[in-house]
Amino acid sequence: MSPSSDRPDRPGRHRRPKPTTRPATPDDVKVIAGFIRSLAAYENLSEKMVATPEDYAAAFFGDNPRVFCELGFVGDKPAGIAVWFYSFSTFLGRHGLYLEDIFVDPAARGQGVGKALFARLARRCIDEGLGRFEWTVLDWNKSAIGFYAAMGAPLNDSWVPVRMGREAIEKLAKECP
């Protein structure tokens, strides 16, 4: 065999299992909640975390879900999560996919789980004829920014995120005629 050809594993060496992905099911609610708690801690936002597993069960698996979840695995062990929903581009006249959150367990990073989750969502975009695949990233998360750029998704510096909190929503809603 030439050095570049495939060769059988050497004795004593173990190949890492290839990551897999699948849509979350109602049986995954505790796993989903755990990953989202881990994401909040990673982003130093644990104090803002108020959602419960029951909230996730209703949101992802209730009568009319408007948000969806994919899980990534290494072997049979959950290793990551992607939470997404459909968006719409008025300029394209087509729906898109907005990735709300992605998180890979630190112990599973570097094993292809994040890329597998992104690939699953990209496949959904192609299969459903979606016009865009978008998300935001915290400006201090340089490793994620580099990862996204390497996939062909550079930052869009011309757009600035805007968010209205509950108090401001309630105040503005009172002005509705």
C-alpha atoms as a PDB file:
ATOM      1  CA  MET A   1       0.000   0.000   0.000  1.00  0.00           C
ATOM      2  CA  SER A   2       1.201   3.493  -0.720  1.00  0.00           C
ATOM      3  CA  PRO A   3       1.441   5.915   2.211  1.00  0.00           C
ATOM      4  CA  SER A   4      -1.520   7.894   0.894  1.00  0.00           C
ATOM      5  CA  SER A   5      -3.836   4.920   0.423  1.00  0.00           C
ATOM      6  CA  ASP A   6      -6.321   3.722   2.985  1.00  0.00           C
ATOM      7  CA  ARG A   7      -4.925   1.207   5.371  1.00  0.00           C
ATOM      8  CA  PRO A   8      -6.495  -0.804   8.156  1.00  0.00           C
ATOM      9  CA  ASP A   9      -6.376   0.605  11.633  1.00  0.00           C
ATOM     10  CA  ARG A  10      -3.213  -0.134  13.484  1.00  0.00           C
ATOM     11  CA  PRO A  11      -3.687  -2.381  16.517  1.00  0.00           C
ATOM     12  CA  GLY A  12      -4.456  -0.357  19.622  1.00  0.00           C
ATOM     13  CA  ARG A  13      -5.661   2.714  17.657  1.00  0.00           C
ATOM     14  CA  HIS A  14      -9.279   3.752  17.852  1.00  0.00           C
ATOM     15  CA  ARG A  15     -11.071   5.806  15.239  1.00  0.00           C
ATOM     16  CA  ARG A  16     -13.405   8.459  16.525  1.00  0.00           C
ATOM     17  CA  PRO A  17     -16.969   7.815  15.492  1.00  0.00           C
ATOM     18  CA  LYS A  18     -18.227  10.133  12.759  1.00  0.00           C
ATOM     19  CA  PRO A  19     -20.702  12.641  14.195  1.00  0.00           C
ATOM     20  CA  THR A  20     -24.350  12.185  13.334  1.00  0.00           C
ATOM     21  CA  THR A  21     -27.359  14.482  13.568  1.00  0.00           C
ATOM     22  CA  ARG A  22     -31.100  14.126  13.802  1.00  0.00           C
ATOM     23  CA  PRO A  23     -34.160  16.208  14.628  1.00  0.00           C
ATOM     24  CA  ALA A  24     -34.926  16.352  18.333  1.00  0.00           C
ATOM     25  CA  THR A  25     -37.937  14.444  19.677  1.00  0.00           C
ATOM     26  CA  PRO A  26     -40.058  15.009  22.790  1.00  0.00           C
ATOM     27  CA  ASP A  27     -37.878  12.437  24.573  1.00  0.00           C
ATOM     28  CA  ASP A  28     -34.921  14.825  24.156  1.00  0.00           C
ATOM     29  CA  VAL A  29     -36.329  17.728  26.191  1.00  0.00           C
ATOM     30  CA  LYS A  30     -34.000  17.218  29.166  1.00  0.00           C
ATOM     31  CA  VAL A  31     -30.995  17.004  26.824  1.00  0.00           C
ATOM     32  CA  ILE A  32     -32.123  20.198  25.058  1.00  0.00           C
ATOM     33  CA  ALA A  33     -32.540  22.016  28.375  1.00  0.00           C
ATOM     34  CA  GLY A  34     -29.105  20.853  29.535  1.00  0.00           C
ATOM     35  CA  PHE A  35     -27.381  22.105  26.386  1.00  0.00           C
ATOM     36  CA  ILE A  36     -29.153  25.461  26.584  1.00  0.00           C
ATOM     37  CA  ARG A  37     -28.114  25.842  30.242  1.00  0.00           C
ATOM     38  CA  SER A  38     -24.532  25.060  29.182  1.00  0.00           C
ATOM     39  CA  LEU A  39     -24.772  27.639  26.400  1.00  0.00           C
ATOM     40  CA  ALA A  40     -26.016  30.267  28.865  1.00  0.00           C
ATOM     41  CA  ALA A  41     -23.083  29.527  31.166  1.00  0.00           C
ATOM     42  CA  TYR A  42     -20.608  29.673  28.254  1.00  0.00           C
ATOM     43  CA  GLU A  43     -21.986  33.078  27.231  1.00  0.00           C
ATOM     44  CA  ASN A  44     -21.958  34.297  30.868  1.00  0.00           C
ATOM     45  CA  LEU A  45     -25.741  34.684  30.738  1.00  0.00           C
ATOM     46  CA  SER A  46     -26.903  32.086  33.277  1.00  0.00           C
ATOM     47  CA  GLU A  47     -28.739  34.766  35.271  1.00  0.00           C
ATOM     48  CA  LYS A  48     -30.953  35.411  32.236  1.00  0.00           C
ATOM     49  CA  MET A  49     -31.911  31.735  31.941  1.00  0.00           C
ATOM     50  CA  VAL A  50     -35.542  31.346  33.012  1.00  0.00           C
ATOM     51  CA  ALA A  51     -36.880  28.742  30.552  1.00  0.00           C
ATOM     52  CA  THR A  52     -37.771  25.302  31.870  1.00  0.00           C
ATOM     53  CA  PRO A  53     -37.866  21.879  30.203  1.00  0.00           C
ATOM     54  CA  GLU A  54     -41.655  22.314  30.095  1.00  0.00           C
ATOM     55  CA  ASP A  55     -41.214  25.559  28.144  1.00  0.00           C
ATOM     56  CA  TYR A  56     -39.011  23.739  25.618  1.00  0.00           C
ATOM     57  CA  ALA A  57     -41.475  20.853  25.344  1.00  0.00           C
ATOM     58  CA  ALA A  58     -44.274  23.286  24.497  1.00  0.00           C
ATOM     59  CA  ALA A  59     -42.155  25.367  22.101  1.00  0.00           C
ATOM     60  CA  PHE A  60     -40.531  22.525  20.147  1.00  0.00           C
ATOM     61  CA  PHE A  61     -43.214  19.846  20.322  1.00  0.00           C
ATOM     62  CA  GLY A  62     -46.526  21.574  21.064  1.00  0.00           C
ATOM     63  CA  ASP A  63     -49.528  21.864  18.753  1.00  0.00           C
ATOM     64  CA  ASN A  64     -48.015  24.547  16.515  1.00  0.00           C
ATOM     65  CA  PRO A  65     -44.227  24.590  16.861  1.00  0.00           C
ATOM     66  CA  ARG A  66     -42.516  27.679  15.482  1.00  0.00           C
ATOM     67  CA  VAL A  67     -39.005  26.721  16.527  1.00  0.00           C
ATOM     68  CA  PHE A  68     -37.091  23.524  15.876  1.00  0.00           C
ATOM     69  CA  CYS A  69     -34.090  21.659  17.200  1.00  0.00           C
ATOM     70  CA  GLU A  70     -31.434  19.362  15.777  1.00  0.00           C
ATOM     71  CA  LEU A  71     -29.130  17.269  17.936  1.00  0.00           C
ATOM     72  CA  GLY A  72     -25.578  16.234  17.148  1.00  0.00           C
ATOM     73  CA  PHE A  73     -24.046  13.015  18.457  1.00  0.00           C
ATOM     74  CA  VAL A  74     -20.658  11.395  18.805  1.00  0.00           C
ATOM     75  CA  GLY A  75     -21.477   7.719  18.840  1.00  0.00           C
ATOM     76  CA  ASP A  76     -24.726   7.534  20.771  1.00  0.00           C
ATOM     77  CA  LYS A  77     -23.815  10.407  23.123  1.00  0.00           C
ATOM     78  CA  PRO A  78     -25.535  13.779  22.606  1.00  0.00           C
ATOM     79  CA  ALA A  79     -22.784  16.288  21.828  1.00  0.00           C
ATOM     80  CA  GLY A  80     -24.441  19.405  20.439  1.00  0.00           C
ATOM     81  CA  ILE A  81     -27.595  21.290  19.640  1.00  0.00           C
ATOM     82  CA  ALA A  82     -28.880  23.659  16.958  1.00  0.00           C
ATOM     83  CA  VAL A  83     -32.069  25.655  17.591  1.00  0.00           C
ATOM     84  CA  TRP A  84     -33.609  27.296  14.520  1.00  0.00           C
ATOM     85  CA  PHE A  85     -36.732  28.749  12.950  1.00  0.00           C
ATOM     86  CA  TYR A  86     -37.930  29.930   9.553  1.00  0.00           C
ATOM     87  CA  SER A  87     -37.398  33.545   8.545  1.00  0.00           C
ATOM     88  CA  PHE A  88     -38.487  35.414   5.425  1.00  0.00           C
ATOM     89  CA  SER A  89     -36.636  37.659   3.003  1.00  0.00           C
ATOM     90  CA  THR A  90     -38.876  40.282   1.443  1.00  0.00           C
ATOM     91  CA  PHE A  91     -36.157  41.001  -1.135  1.00  0.00           C
ATOM     92  CA  LEU A  92     -35.822  37.357  -2.184  1.00  0.00           C
ATOM     93  CA  GLY A  93     -39.502  36.588  -1.697  1.00  0.00           C
ATOM     94  CA  ARG A  94     -38.468  33.325  -0.039  1.00  0.00           C
ATOM     95  CA  HIS A  95     -38.246  31.821   3.383  1.00  0.00           C
ATOM     96  CA  GLY A  96     -34.893  31.331   5.021  1.00  0.00           C
ATOM     97  CA  LEU A  97     -33.529  29.561   8.055  1.00  0.00           C
ATOM     98  CA  TYR A  98     -32.406  31.494  11.117  1.00  0.00           C
ATOM     99  CA  LEU A  99     -30.113  29.675  13.536  1.00  0.00           C
ATOM    100  CA  GLU A 100     -30.977  30.987  16.985  1.00  0.00           C
ATOM    101  CA  ASP A 101     -28.396  28.995  18.917  1.00  0.00           C
ATOM    102  CA  ILE A 102     -25.746  26.392  18.321  1.00  0.00           C
ATOM    103  CA  PHE A 103     -23.739  24.764  21.089  1.00  0.00           C
ATOM    104  CA  VAL A 104     -21.301  21.878  21.113  1.00  0.00           C
ATOM    105  CA  ASP A 105     -20.226  20.272  24.376  1.00  0.00           C
ATOM    106  CA  PRO A 106     -16.626  21.393  25.034  1.00  0.00           C
ATOM    107  CA  ALA A 107     -15.570  17.736  25.363  1.00  0.00           C
ATOM    108  CA  ALA A 108     -16.848  17.073  21.818  1.00  0.00           C
ATOM    109  CA  ARG A 109     -15.368  20.130  20.105  1.00  0.00           C
ATOM    110  CA  GLY A 110     -12.983  19.447  17.268  1.00  0.00           C
ATOM    111  CA  GLN A 111     -14.780  16.200  16.363  1.00  0.00           C
ATOM    112  CA  GLY A 112     -16.957  17.641  13.601  1.00  0.00           C
ATOM    113  CA  VAL A 113     -20.211  17.973  15.555  1.00  0.00           C
ATOM    114  CA  GLY A 114     -20.653  21.684  14.846  1.00  0.00           C
ATOM    115  CA  LYS A 115     -19.920  21.222  11.159  1.00  0.00           C
ATOM    116  CA  ALA A 116     -22.342  18.283  11.032  1.00  0.00           C
ATOM    117  CA  LEU A 117     -25.115  20.420  12.557  1.00  0.00           C
ATOM    118  CA  PHE A 118     -24.425  23.231  10.087  1.00  0.00           C
ATOM    119  CA  ALA A 119     -24.385  20.737   7.203  1.00  0.00           C
ATOM    120  CA  ARG A 120     -27.756  19.312   8.309  1.00  0.00           C
ATOM    121  CA  LEU A 121     -29.270  22.803   8.313  1.00  0.00           C
ATOM    122  CA  ALA A 122     -27.654  23.666   4.966  1.00  0.00           C
ATOM    123  CA  ARG A 123     -29.158  20.462   3.541  1.00  0.00           C
ATOM    124  CA  ARG A 124     -32.574  21.575   4.828  1.00  0.00           C
ATOM    125  CA  CYS A 125     -32.107  24.936   3.073  1.00  0.00           C
ATOM    126  CA  ILE A 126     -31.317  23.198  -0.225  1.00  0.00           C
ATOM    127  CA  ASP A 127     -34.084  20.599   0.093  1.00  0.00           C
ATOM    128  CA  GLU A 128     -36.721  23.223   0.945  1.00  0.00           C
ATOM    129  CA  GLY A 129     -35.545  25.888  -1.505  1.00  0.00           C
ATOM    130  CA  LEU A 130     -34.788  28.362   1.265  1.00  0.00           C
ATOM    131  CA  GLY A 131     -33.077  31.588   0.218  1.00  0.00           C
ATOM    132  CA  ARG A 132     -30.878  32.264   3.236  1.00  0.00           C
ATOM    133  CA  PHE A 133     -29.191  30.679   6.217  1.00  0.00           C
ATOM    134  CA  GLU A 134     -28.395  33.295   8.861  1.00  0.00           C
ATOM    135  CA  TRP A 135     -27.281  33.607  12.473  1.00  0.00           C
ATOM    136  CA  THR A 136     -25.469  35.983  14.801  1.00  0.00           C
ATOM    137  CA  VAL A 137     -22.325  35.486  16.834  1.00  0.00           C
ATOM    138  CA  LEU A 138     -21.012  37.277  19.892  1.00  0.00           C
ATOM    139  CA  ASP A 139     -18.185  39.623  18.907  1.00  0.00           C
ATOM    140  CA  TRP A 140     -15.816  38.125  21.496  1.00  0.00           C
ATOM    141  CA  ASN A 141     -16.251  34.556  20.221  1.00  0.00           C
ATOM    142  CA  LYS A 142     -13.244  34.614  17.885  1.00  0.00           C
ATOM    143  CA  SER A 143     -13.044  30.822  17.476  1.00  0.00           C
ATOM    144  CA  ALA A 144     -16.668  30.702  16.274  1.00  0.00           C
ATOM    145  CA  ILE A 145     -16.114  33.655  13.938  1.00  0.00           C
ATOM    146  CA  GLY A 146     -13.118  31.870  12.405  1.00  0.00           C
ATOM    147  CA  PHE A 147     -15.078  28.622  12.101  1.00  0.00           C
ATOM    148  CA  TYR A 148     -17.946  30.405  10.320  1.00  0.00           C
ATOM    149  CA  ALA A 149     -15.603  32.239   7.956  1.00  0.00           C
ATOM    150  CA  ALA A 150     -13.902  28.938   7.051  1.00  0.00           C
ATOM    151  CA  MET A 151     -17.332  27.560   6.072  1.00  0.00           C
ATOM    152  CA  GLY A 152     -17.901  30.530   3.756  1.00  0.00           C
ATOM    153  CA  ALA A 153     -19.988  32.639   6.163  1.00  0.00           C
ATOM    154  CA  PRO A 154     -18.156  35.908   6.862  1.00  0.00           C
ATOM    155  CA  LEU A 155     -19.515  38.536   9.255  1.00  0.00           C
ATOM    156  CA  ASN A 156     -22.047  41.005   7.904  1.00  0.00           C
ATOM    157  CA  ASP A 157     -20.764  44.262   9.379  1.00  0.00           C
ATOM    158  CA  SER A 158     -23.442  46.366   7.683  1.00  0.00           C
ATOM    159  CA  TRP A 159     -26.229  45.076   9.944  1.00  0.00           C
ATOM    160  CA  VAL A 160     -26.518  45.713  13.676  1.00  0.00           C
ATOM    161  CA  PRO A 161     -28.776  43.493  15.806  1.00  0.00           C
ATOM    162  CA  VAL A 162     -31.661  45.232  17.572  1.00  0.00           C
ATOM    163  CA  ARG A 163     -33.625  43.694  20.442  1.00  0.00           C
ATOM    164  CA  MET A 164     -36.615  44.924  22.412  1.00  0.00           C
ATOM    165  CA  GLY A 165     -37.103  43.485  25.902  1.00  0.00           C
ATOM    166  CA  ARG A 166     -40.402  42.640  27.593  1.00  0.00           C
ATOM    167  CA  GLU A 167     -40.831  46.011  29.332  1.00  0.00           C
ATOM    168  CA  ALA A 168     -40.301  47.965  26.107  1.00  0.00           C
ATOM    169  CA  ILE A 169     -42.629  45.595  24.206  1.00  0.00           C
ATOM    170  CA  GLU A 170     -45.380  46.133  26.774  1.00  0.00           C
ATOM    171  CA  LYS A 171     -44.928  49.913  26.681  1.00  0.00           C
ATOM    172  CA  LEU A 172     -45.060  50.026  22.868  1.00  0.00           C
ATOM    173  CA  ALA A 173     -48.019  47.618  22.723  1.00  0.00           C
ATOM    174  CA  LYS A 174     -50.081  50.075  24.807  1.00  0.00           C
ATOM    175  CA  GLU A 175     -49.804  52.515  21.907  1.00  0.00           C
ATOM    176  CA  CYS A 176     -51.462  50.106  19.476  1.00  0.00           C
ATOM    177  CA  PRO A 177     -54.643  51.705  18.102  1.00  0.00           C
END
